[in-house]
Amino acid sequence: MRPGTVPSTFHVLAKGRRPPLTSNDSRTIWIQTSDSARYRFSDEHPFHPVRLALTESLLRGERALDNAQIAFPVSMEEAERVVRSIHRADYIEAVEALSASAPGEDADRKANAYGLARDGDTPYFHGMHEASLSVAAGSIAAADAVMSGSVDRALHLAGGLHHAFPDRASGFCVYNDAAAAISYLRDVYDARVLYIDTDVHHGDGVQWFFYTDPNVFTLSIHETGKFLFPGSGFPHERGDSSGYGACLNVSMEPYTEDESWLECFSEAVERAALAFKPDIIVSQHGCDAHAYDPLAHIHCSMRIYREMPRIIHELADRYTSGKWVALGGGGYDHWRVVPRAWSLLWLEMNAHPLLASIDSEPDGGLLPEGWSDILTNMKPEETLPVTWLDNVTAWAPMPRRAEITAKNRAMLEIALQHIG
């Protein structure tokens, strides 16, 4: 598939294209995601590549990819080398076996042993090994491009599979591409990496990969594990051995809204960057803390997906000479939330002129006409958003807002006790 086409079987209908609004920053690259669209469990599974197609369609509707610098993943051989350095050999062998068109009589037994059960969250599928390597290859390419100095920023939306462990799959994630990219940065460049995870689910896999490494700081903001998968990510998880103090978990109460979420996020990442002094930031941008998301209980609006990339961009400019790698992640309202959130991330990474008009309007202004017109039978019946941001004045306020905010502040105070 040539650069600029929509991945997998989805296609943008040419309709309602507006004139271009000047170009993208040449120091930011877009990692092509077409091969990663093969990472697909089923049409019914919540983790579906239609999210990538819709995001690209929205950005093309705004002409925000017209002059983008497109980059491609590293070779599958290099990706496999890195993946084999972080995942256990028997696990990779199981993934390879289960990727076959006819995986054999003992397939289900093997799948159950490695978190890939057919009736589980992460069911095995034909081509799984190659598709998972493609995701890792894109994230490694993004990391190398930035750390080598070829560019300042790179976005790989197909990445962000942060739940995979060295010896098993978990939470829709087979190989941990974020951990692979960070491991590559450590091995090749000896870089100090600040990892920031904004997914509503705790970034457990990445945390445990680097829990004893003092040169990788993992920060995750998420709904508390008391009520949400994976049941971890509490403030007392601070790293171990020489890595103690290089782990920060911001564990938010259910029904947290924008103000409290952003208050905790901004203070946490600022304190972490100041204390750790990273060489590069790697961020994961799951966008499932939105009130519309069906798999969590946070009540934020699109505002946090405008503000968090802005905050990370400013941190990168101040602490890492601009070096920033951004990955995708979760997000299960495929039509109303993910395309807008990920598009805002790309616009921020490019300092795109469209942001000025988005920031000047209470609702962010209108989305381009026809952005959701892709050829698929998955389009929902409900009305899709027509503006970049949400009109939260029409939302019913949370009745426990003050209590939730107070609990979040108390949690943050405890979490930050070990940060210099």
Protein backbone atom coordinates (compact mmCIF):
# COMPACT_ATOMS: atom_id res chain seq x y z
CA MET A 1 0.00 0.00 0.00
CA ARG A 2 1.46 3.35 -1.00
CA PRO A 3 1.83 6.24 1.51
CA GLY A 4 -1.31 8.25 2.03
CA THR A 5 -3.90 5.51 1.57
CA VAL A 6 -6.23 4.43 4.33
CA PRO A 7 -5.19 1.14 5.93
CA SER A 8 -6.82 -2.26 5.60
CA THR A 9 -10.12 -2.51 3.69
CA PHE A 10 -11.39 0.98 4.50
CA HIS A 11 -11.41 3.79 1.96
CA VAL A 12 -12.11 7.51 2.25
CA LEU A 13 -14.86 8.87 0.03
CA ALA A 14 -13.70 12.04 -1.71
CA LYS A 15 -16.23 14.55 -0.41
CA GLY A 16 -16.27 17.96 1.22
CA ARG A 17 -12.50 18.57 1.04
CA ARG A 18 -11.54 22.00 2.25
CA PRO A 19 -8.54 24.06 1.07
CA PRO A 20 -5.27 23.22 2.82
CA LEU A 21 -4.39 25.22 5.91
CA THR A 22 -0.65 25.47 5.69
CA SER A 23 1.76 22.75 6.18
CA ASN A 24 2.92 20.29 8.77
CA ASP A 25 6.11 20.71 10.76
CA SER A 26 8.95 19.04 8.86
CA ARG A 27 10.45 17.97 12.17
CA THR A 28 7.49 15.67 12.90
CA ILE A 29 6.87 12.37 11.15
CA TRP A 30 3.82 10.14 10.73
CA ILE A 31 4.61 6.43 10.90
CA GLN A 32 2.60 4.61 8.25
CA THR A 33 0.14 2.20 9.88
CA SER A 34 -1.10 0.17 6.91
CA ASP A 35 0.70 -3.08 7.80
CA SER A 36 -0.37 -2.75 11.43
CA ALA A 37 -4.03 -2.79 10.33
CA ARG A 38 -3.60 -6.55 10.16
CA TYR A 39 -3.64 -6.50 13.97
CA ARG A 40 -7.32 -7.37 14.09
CA PHE A 41 -9.10 -9.87 16.33
CA SER A 42 -12.58 -9.78 14.76
CA ASP A 43 -15.24 -7.31 13.64
CA GLU A 44 -16.96 -7.72 17.01
CA HIS A 45 -13.84 -7.11 19.09
CA PRO A 46 -13.56 -3.62 20.67
CA PHE A 47 -9.92 -3.23 19.57
CA HIS A 48 -10.42 -2.66 15.85
CA PRO A 49 -8.31 -0.90 13.16
CA VAL A 50 -11.32 1.08 11.96
CA ARG A 51 -10.07 3.63 14.52
CA LEU A 52 -6.95 4.20 12.43
CA ALA A 53 -8.92 4.61 9.22
CA LEU A 54 -11.31 7.12 10.79
CA THR A 55 -8.48 9.20 12.25
CA GLU A 56 -6.69 9.35 8.95
CA SER A 57 -9.95 10.25 7.21
CA LEU A 58 -10.56 13.13 9.62
CA LEU A 59 -7.04 14.48 9.19
CA ARG A 60 -7.29 14.22 5.42
CA GLY A 61 -10.61 16.02 5.55
CA GLU A 62 -8.75 18.90 7.19
CA ARG A 63 -5.85 18.56 4.70
CA ALA A 64 -3.66 18.04 7.77
CA LEU A 65 -1.75 15.15 6.20
CA ASP A 66 -1.22 16.71 2.79
CA ASN A 67 2.38 17.70 3.45
CA ALA A 68 3.13 15.19 6.17
CA GLN A 69 6.50 13.49 6.25
CA ILE A 70 5.58 9.79 6.04
CA ALA A 71 7.98 7.24 7.53
CA PHE A 72 7.86 3.46 7.44
CA PRO A 73 8.53 0.85 10.11
CA VAL A 74 11.93 -0.78 10.53
CA SER A 75 12.43 -4.19 8.97
CA MET A 76 10.57 -7.15 10.38
CA GLU A 77 13.94 -8.73 11.13
CA GLU A 78 14.99 -5.81 13.32
CA ALA A 79 11.60 -5.73 15.02
CA GLU A 80 11.82 -9.44 15.74
CA ARG A 81 15.32 -9.04 17.18
CA VAL A 82 14.08 -6.42 19.65
CA VAL A 83 10.88 -8.30 20.49
CA ARG A 84 12.90 -11.46 21.21
CA SER A 85 15.07 -9.45 23.59
CA ILE A 86 12.11 -8.51 25.79
CA HIS A 87 9.65 -11.41 25.44
CA ARG A 88 10.32 -14.95 26.62
CA ALA A 89 11.28 -17.46 23.90
CA ASP A 90 8.54 -19.95 24.74
CA TYR A 91 5.90 -17.23 24.57
CA ILE A 92 7.05 -16.07 21.13
CA GLU A 93 7.08 -19.68 19.94
CA ALA A 94 3.48 -20.05 21.13
CA VAL A 95 2.43 -16.85 19.33
CA GLU A 96 4.07 -18.08 16.13
CA ALA A 97 2.34 -21.45 16.37
CA LEU A 98 -1.05 -19.90 17.06
CA SER A 99 -0.64 -17.56 14.08
CA ALA A 100 -0.83 -20.40 11.59
CA SER A 101 -3.94 -20.90 9.47
CA ALA A 102 -4.34 -24.32 11.12
CA PRO A 103 -2.64 -24.02 14.54
CA GLY A 104 -3.06 -27.69 15.52
CA GLU A 105 -4.98 -29.86 17.94
CA ASP A 106 -3.38 -28.44 21.10
CA ALA A 107 -3.92 -24.83 20.05
CA ASP A 108 -6.50 -24.01 22.70
CA ARG A 109 -4.41 -25.52 25.50
CA LYS A 110 -1.39 -23.52 24.39
CA ALA A 111 -3.46 -20.36 23.97
CA ASN A 112 -4.91 -20.67 27.46
CA ALA A 113 -1.41 -20.93 28.94
CA TYR A 114 -0.26 -17.68 27.33
CA GLY A 115 -3.27 -15.37 27.70
CA LEU A 116 -4.52 -15.96 24.15
CA ALA A 117 -7.68 -17.99 24.82
CA ARG A 118 -10.31 -17.85 22.11
CA ASP A 119 -12.95 -16.73 24.62
CA GLY A 120 -10.67 -14.22 26.35
CA ASP A 121 -9.80 -10.55 25.88
CA THR A 122 -6.89 -11.32 23.56
CA PRO A 123 -7.93 -14.26 21.33
CA TYR A 124 -5.38 -15.67 18.92
CA PHE A 125 -5.90 -15.02 15.20
CA HIS A 126 -4.32 -15.98 11.88
CA GLY A 127 -1.22 -13.86 11.18
CA MET A 128 -1.01 -12.63 14.79
CA HIS A 129 2.78 -12.91 15.05
CA GLU A 130 3.46 -10.93 11.88
CA ALA A 131 0.82 -8.31 12.68
CA SER A 132 2.21 -7.84 16.20
CA LEU A 133 5.74 -7.50 14.83
CA SER A 134 4.47 -4.83 12.41
CA VAL A 135 3.17 -2.81 15.33
CA ALA A 136 6.51 -3.14 17.15
CA ALA A 137 8.39 -2.22 13.98
CA GLY A 138 6.50 1.07 13.72
CA SER A 139 7.18 2.06 17.32
CA ILE A 140 10.87 1.17 17.06
CA ALA A 141 11.14 3.21 13.86
CA ALA A 142 9.54 6.19 15.60
CA ALA A 143 11.99 5.91 18.51
CA ASP A 144 15.02 5.61 16.24
CA ALA A 145 14.02 8.51 14.02
CA VAL A 146 13.67 10.84 16.99
CA MET A 147 16.66 9.73 19.05
CA SER A 148 18.96 9.73 16.02
CA GLY A 149 18.11 13.38 15.45
CA SER A 150 16.49 12.81 12.06
CA VAL A 151 13.32 14.44 13.43
CA ASP A 152 12.13 15.86 16.74
CA ARG A 153 8.76 14.10 17.02
CA ALA A 154 7.15 10.95 15.67
CA LEU A 155 3.61 9.58 15.89
CA HIS A 156 2.72 5.88 15.55
CA LEU A 157 -0.98 5.50 16.22
CA ALA A 158 -1.03 1.73 15.70
CA GLY A 159 1.31 1.35 18.69
CA GLY A 160 0.70 1.59 22.41
CA LEU A 161 0.02 -2.09 23.25
CA HIS A 162 1.02 -1.50 26.85
CA HIS A 163 -0.51 -4.52 28.64
CA ALA A 164 1.59 -7.33 27.15
CA PHE A 165 4.02 -9.04 29.56
CA PRO A 166 7.30 -10.84 28.83
CA ASP A 167 5.60 -14.23 29.05
CA ARG A 168 1.95 -13.63 28.10
CA ALA A 169 -0.61 -11.54 26.29
CA SER A 170 -3.05 -9.34 28.17
CA GLY A 171 -5.69 -6.68 27.56
CA PHE A 172 -5.78 -6.88 23.73
CA CYS A 173 -1.95 -6.72 23.59
CA VAL A 174 0.28 -9.50 22.20
CA TYR A 175 3.77 -7.94 21.93
CA ASN A 176 4.54 -4.83 23.95
CA ASP A 177 5.66 -2.39 21.27
CA ALA A 178 6.07 0.46 23.78
CA ALA A 179 8.48 -1.65 25.85
CA ALA A 180 10.25 -2.70 22.65
CA ALA A 181 10.77 0.94 21.62
CA ILE A 182 12.02 1.90 25.08
CA SER A 183 14.34 -1.12 25.21
CA TYR A 184 15.73 -0.09 21.81
CA LEU A 185 16.35 3.44 23.08
CA ARG A 186 18.17 2.07 26.12
CA ASP A 187 20.28 -0.45 24.20
CA VAL A 188 21.22 1.63 21.17
CA TYR A 189 21.36 5.16 22.59
CA ASP A 190 21.70 4.64 26.36
CA ALA A 191 18.84 7.14 26.66
CA ARG A 192 17.00 8.09 29.82
CA VAL A 193 13.33 7.59 28.89
CA LEU A 194 10.30 9.21 30.49
CA TYR A 195 7.27 7.08 29.60
CA ILE A 196 3.88 8.82 30.03
CA ASP A 197 0.74 6.67 29.74
CA THR A 198 -2.62 8.47 29.40
CA ASP A 199 -4.78 5.40 28.77
CA VAL A 200 -7.66 4.98 31.25
CA HIS A 201 -6.26 1.51 32.02
CA HIS A 202 -3.01 1.29 33.99
CA GLY A 203 0.06 0.82 31.79
CA ASP A 204 1.00 -2.30 33.72
CA GLY A 205 3.05 -4.14 31.12
CA VAL A 206 5.45 -1.26 30.49
CA GLN A 207 5.73 -0.58 34.22
CA TRP A 208 6.74 -4.16 35.07
CA PHE A 209 9.19 -4.39 32.17
CA PHE A 210 11.19 -1.51 33.66
CA TYR A 211 10.27 -1.68 37.35
CA THR A 212 13.90 -2.03 38.46
CA ASP A 213 15.49 0.20 35.79
CA PRO A 214 16.51 3.63 37.15
CA ASN A 215 16.89 4.97 33.60
CA VAL A 216 13.25 4.45 32.60
CA PHE A 217 10.65 6.49 34.47
CA THR A 218 7.11 5.15 33.99
CA LEU A 219 4.18 7.48 34.73
CA SER A 220 0.59 6.33 34.26
CA ILE A 221 -2.63 8.26 34.85
CA HIS A 222 -5.66 5.95 34.86
CA GLU A 223 -8.87 4.99 36.58
CA THR A 224 -8.09 3.31 39.89
CA GLY A 225 -7.47 -0.42 39.73
CA LYS A 226 -10.02 -0.86 42.52
CA PHE A 227 -12.71 -0.82 39.84
CA LEU A 228 -11.03 -1.29 36.45
CA PHE A 229 -8.76 -3.71 34.59
CA PRO A 230 -5.92 -4.55 35.13
CA GLY A 231 -6.41 -3.98 38.87
CA SER A 232 -3.00 -2.38 39.44
CA GLY A 233 -1.37 1.04 39.27
CA PHE A 234 -1.70 2.22 42.85
CA PRO A 235 0.38 5.03 44.36
CA HIS A 236 2.47 2.59 46.42
CA GLU A 237 3.84 1.04 43.20
CA ARG A 238 7.02 3.11 42.99
CA GLY A 239 9.62 0.85 41.40
CA ASP A 240 11.96 -1.63 43.04
CA SER A 241 15.66 -2.10 43.75
CA SER A 242 17.70 0.53 41.87
CA GLY A 243 14.52 1.54 40.05
CA TYR A 244 12.76 2.66 43.21
CA GLY A 245 11.41 6.16 42.68
CA ALA A 246 11.27 5.84 38.87
CA CYS A 247 7.60 4.86 38.81
CA LEU A 248 4.62 7.11 39.42
CA ASN A 249 0.96 6.07 39.34
CA VAL A 250 -1.82 8.65 39.29
CA SER A 251 -4.87 6.58 40.20
CA MET A 252 -8.10 8.50 39.56
CA GLU A 253 -11.54 8.02 41.05
CA PRO A 254 -14.44 6.87 38.84
CA TYR A 255 -16.42 9.77 37.31
CA THR A 256 -13.47 12.14 37.46
CA GLU A 257 -14.05 15.15 35.16
CA ASP A 258 -11.74 17.37 33.12
CA GLU A 259 -10.57 19.81 35.79
CA SER A 260 -9.46 17.20 38.30
CA TRP A 261 -7.91 14.94 35.66
CA LEU A 262 -5.85 17.77 34.17
CA GLU A 263 -4.87 19.16 37.56
CA CYS A 264 -3.42 15.80 38.62
CA PHE A 265 -1.85 15.07 35.24
CA SER A 266 -0.10 18.41 34.84
CA GLU A 267 1.41 18.38 38.34
CA ALA A 268 2.51 14.74 38.07
CA VAL A 269 4.27 15.01 34.71
CA GLU A 270 5.93 18.30 35.65
CA ARG A 271 7.31 16.85 38.89
CA ALA A 272 8.46 13.68 37.13
CA ALA A 273 10.26 15.49 34.31
CA LEU A 274 11.94 17.92 36.69
CA ALA A 275 13.21 15.15 38.96
CA PHE A 276 14.14 12.61 36.27
CA LYS A 277 15.60 14.85 33.53
CA PRO A 278 14.88 12.57 30.56
CA ASP A 279 16.63 12.47 27.21
CA ILE A 280 13.39 11.60 25.40
CA ILE A 281 9.66 11.27 26.14
CA VAL A 282 7.66 8.27 24.93
CA SER A 283 3.93 8.75 25.48
CA GLN A 284 0.97 6.40 25.08
CA HIS A 285 -2.30 8.06 24.08
CA GLY A 286 -5.14 5.71 24.82
CA CYS A 287 -8.26 7.89 24.64
CA ASP A 288 -10.65 5.84 26.74
CA ALA A 289 -10.99 8.24 29.69
CA HIS A 290 -13.76 10.00 27.75
CA ALA A 291 -17.30 9.89 29.13
CA TYR A 292 -18.50 8.11 25.97
CA ASP A 293 -16.06 5.21 26.27
CA PRO A 294 -17.91 1.96 27.04
CA LEU A 295 -15.11 0.19 28.95
CA ALA A 296 -14.38 2.63 31.80
CA HIS A 297 -16.03 5.03 34.26
CA ILE A 298 -14.15 8.33 33.85
CA HIS A 299 -16.29 11.31 32.80
CA CYS A 300 -13.87 13.52 30.90
CA SER A 301 -14.53 15.33 27.63
CA MET A 302 -12.47 15.95 24.52
CA ARG A 303 -10.81 18.82 26.35
CA ILE A 304 -8.27 16.53 28.04
CA TYR A 305 -7.21 15.22 24.62
CA ARG A 306 -6.50 18.75 23.52
CA GLU A 307 -4.64 19.66 26.72
CA MET A 308 -2.55 16.55 27.51
CA PRO A 309 -0.64 16.62 24.19
CA ARG A 310 -0.04 20.35 24.69
CA ILE A 311 1.40 19.69 28.16
CA ILE A 312 3.64 16.87 26.91
CA HIS A 313 4.83 19.00 23.97
CA GLU A 314 5.85 21.78 26.36
CA LEU A 315 7.65 19.29 28.59
CA ALA A 316 9.57 17.90 25.62
CA ASP A 317 10.62 21.38 24.53
CA ARG A 318 11.87 22.20 28.03
CA TYR A 319 13.47 18.91 29.08
CA THR A 320 14.40 16.81 26.02
CA SER A 321 15.24 19.37 23.31
CA GLY A 322 11.90 18.49 21.74
CA LYS A 323 12.45 14.71 21.50
CA TRP A 324 9.01 13.09 21.72
CA VAL A 325 7.61 9.78 20.48
CA ALA A 326 3.83 9.33 20.71
CA LEU A 327 1.94 6.05 20.37
CA GLY A 328 -1.76 5.18 20.19
CA GLY A 329 -3.42 2.79 22.61
CA GLY A 330 -6.94 2.12 23.84
CA GLY A 331 -10.13 3.93 22.94
CA TYR A 332 -13.35 2.07 22.25
CA ASP A 333 -15.81 4.69 21.08
CA HIS A 334 -14.39 4.36 17.59
CA TRP A 335 -16.46 7.05 15.91
CA ARG A 336 -17.22 9.80 18.44
CA VAL A 337 -13.97 9.91 20.41
CA VAL A 338 -10.88 8.27 18.94
CA PRO A 339 -10.65 10.13 15.61
CA ARG A 340 -10.93 13.53 17.25
CA ALA A 341 -8.54 12.70 20.10
CA TRP A 342 -5.82 11.25 17.88
CA SER A 343 -6.23 14.01 15.31
CA LEU A 344 -5.74 16.63 18.03
CA LEU A 345 -2.56 14.81 19.04
CA TRP A 346 -1.16 15.01 15.50
CA LEU A 347 -2.13 18.67 15.18
CA GLU A 348 -0.35 19.47 18.45
CA MET A 349 2.80 17.57 17.50
CA ASN A 350 2.96 19.70 14.33
CA ALA A 351 1.91 22.97 15.99
CA HIS A 352 -0.61 23.01 13.14
CA PRO A 353 -2.31 26.36 12.35
CA LEU A 354 -5.74 24.72 12.69
CA LEU A 355 -5.20 24.64 16.47
CA ALA A 356 -5.56 28.41 16.65
CA SER A 357 -9.15 28.22 15.44
CA ILE A 358 -9.90 25.15 17.59
CA ASP A 359 -8.62 26.96 20.68
CA SER A 360 -10.56 30.12 19.93
CA GLU A 361 -13.99 28.47 19.79
CA PRO A 362 -15.82 27.09 22.88
CA ASP A 363 -16.63 23.89 20.99
CA GLY A 364 -13.46 23.91 18.91
CA GLY A 365 -15.26 24.74 15.69
CA LEU A 366 -16.72 22.47 13.04
CA LEU A 367 -15.25 19.20 11.82
CA PRO A 368 -14.79 18.89 8.04
CA GLU A 369 -17.77 17.70 6.04
CA GLY A 370 -17.79 14.00 5.19
CA TRP A 371 -14.92 13.00 7.50
CA SER A 372 -16.76 9.86 8.69
CA ASP A 373 -17.63 8.62 5.21
CA ILE A 374 -15.49 5.54 4.95
CA LEU A 375 -16.65 2.35 3.26
CA THR A 376 -17.58 0.04 6.12
CA ASN A 377 -20.69 -1.59 7.53
CA MET A 378 -19.65 -0.63 11.06
CA LYS A 379 -20.99 2.94 11.12
CA PRO A 380 -23.19 3.45 14.20
CA GLU A 381 -26.72 4.75 14.14
CA GLU A 382 -26.21 7.51 16.71
CA THR A 383 -25.45 11.06 15.66
CA LEU A 384 -21.72 11.71 15.29
CA PRO A 385 -20.02 14.85 16.60
CA VAL A 386 -19.80 17.85 14.30
CA THR A 387 -17.35 19.88 16.43
CA TRP A 388 -13.80 19.22 17.60
CA LEU A 389 -14.62 19.61 21.30
CA ASP A 390 -17.64 18.61 23.37
CA ASN A 391 -20.34 20.96 24.61
CA VAL A 392 -20.05 19.92 28.26
CA THR A 393 -22.62 22.49 29.35
CA ALA A 394 -25.22 20.06 28.03
CA TRP A 395 -23.85 17.22 30.18
CA ALA A 396 -25.34 16.45 33.58
CA PRO A 397 -22.78 17.38 36.26
CA MET A 398 -21.39 14.69 38.52
CA PRO A 399 -23.19 14.91 41.89
CA ARG A 400 -20.02 13.91 43.84
CA ARG A 401 -17.69 16.31 42.01
CA ALA A 402 -16.20 17.95 45.14
CA GLU A 403 -15.67 14.59 46.87
CA ILE A 404 -14.05 13.04 43.79
CA THR A 405 -11.75 16.04 43.35
CA ALA A 406 -10.69 15.92 47.00
CA LYS A 407 -9.94 12.19 46.80
CA ASN A 408 -7.87 12.68 43.67
CA ARG A 409 -5.84 15.46 45.31
CA ALA A 410 -5.19 13.31 48.37
CA MET A 411 -4.10 10.41 46.15
CA LEU A 412 -1.75 12.65 44.19
CA GLU A 413 -0.12 13.94 47.37
CA ILE A 414 0.62 10.36 48.42
CA ALA A 415 1.87 9.40 44.95
CA LEU A 416 4.28 12.34 44.76
CA GLN A 417 5.87 11.77 48.19
CA HIS A 418 8.86 9.92 46.69
CA ILE A 419 9.41 12.33 43.78
CA GLY A 420 12.14 14.90 44.30
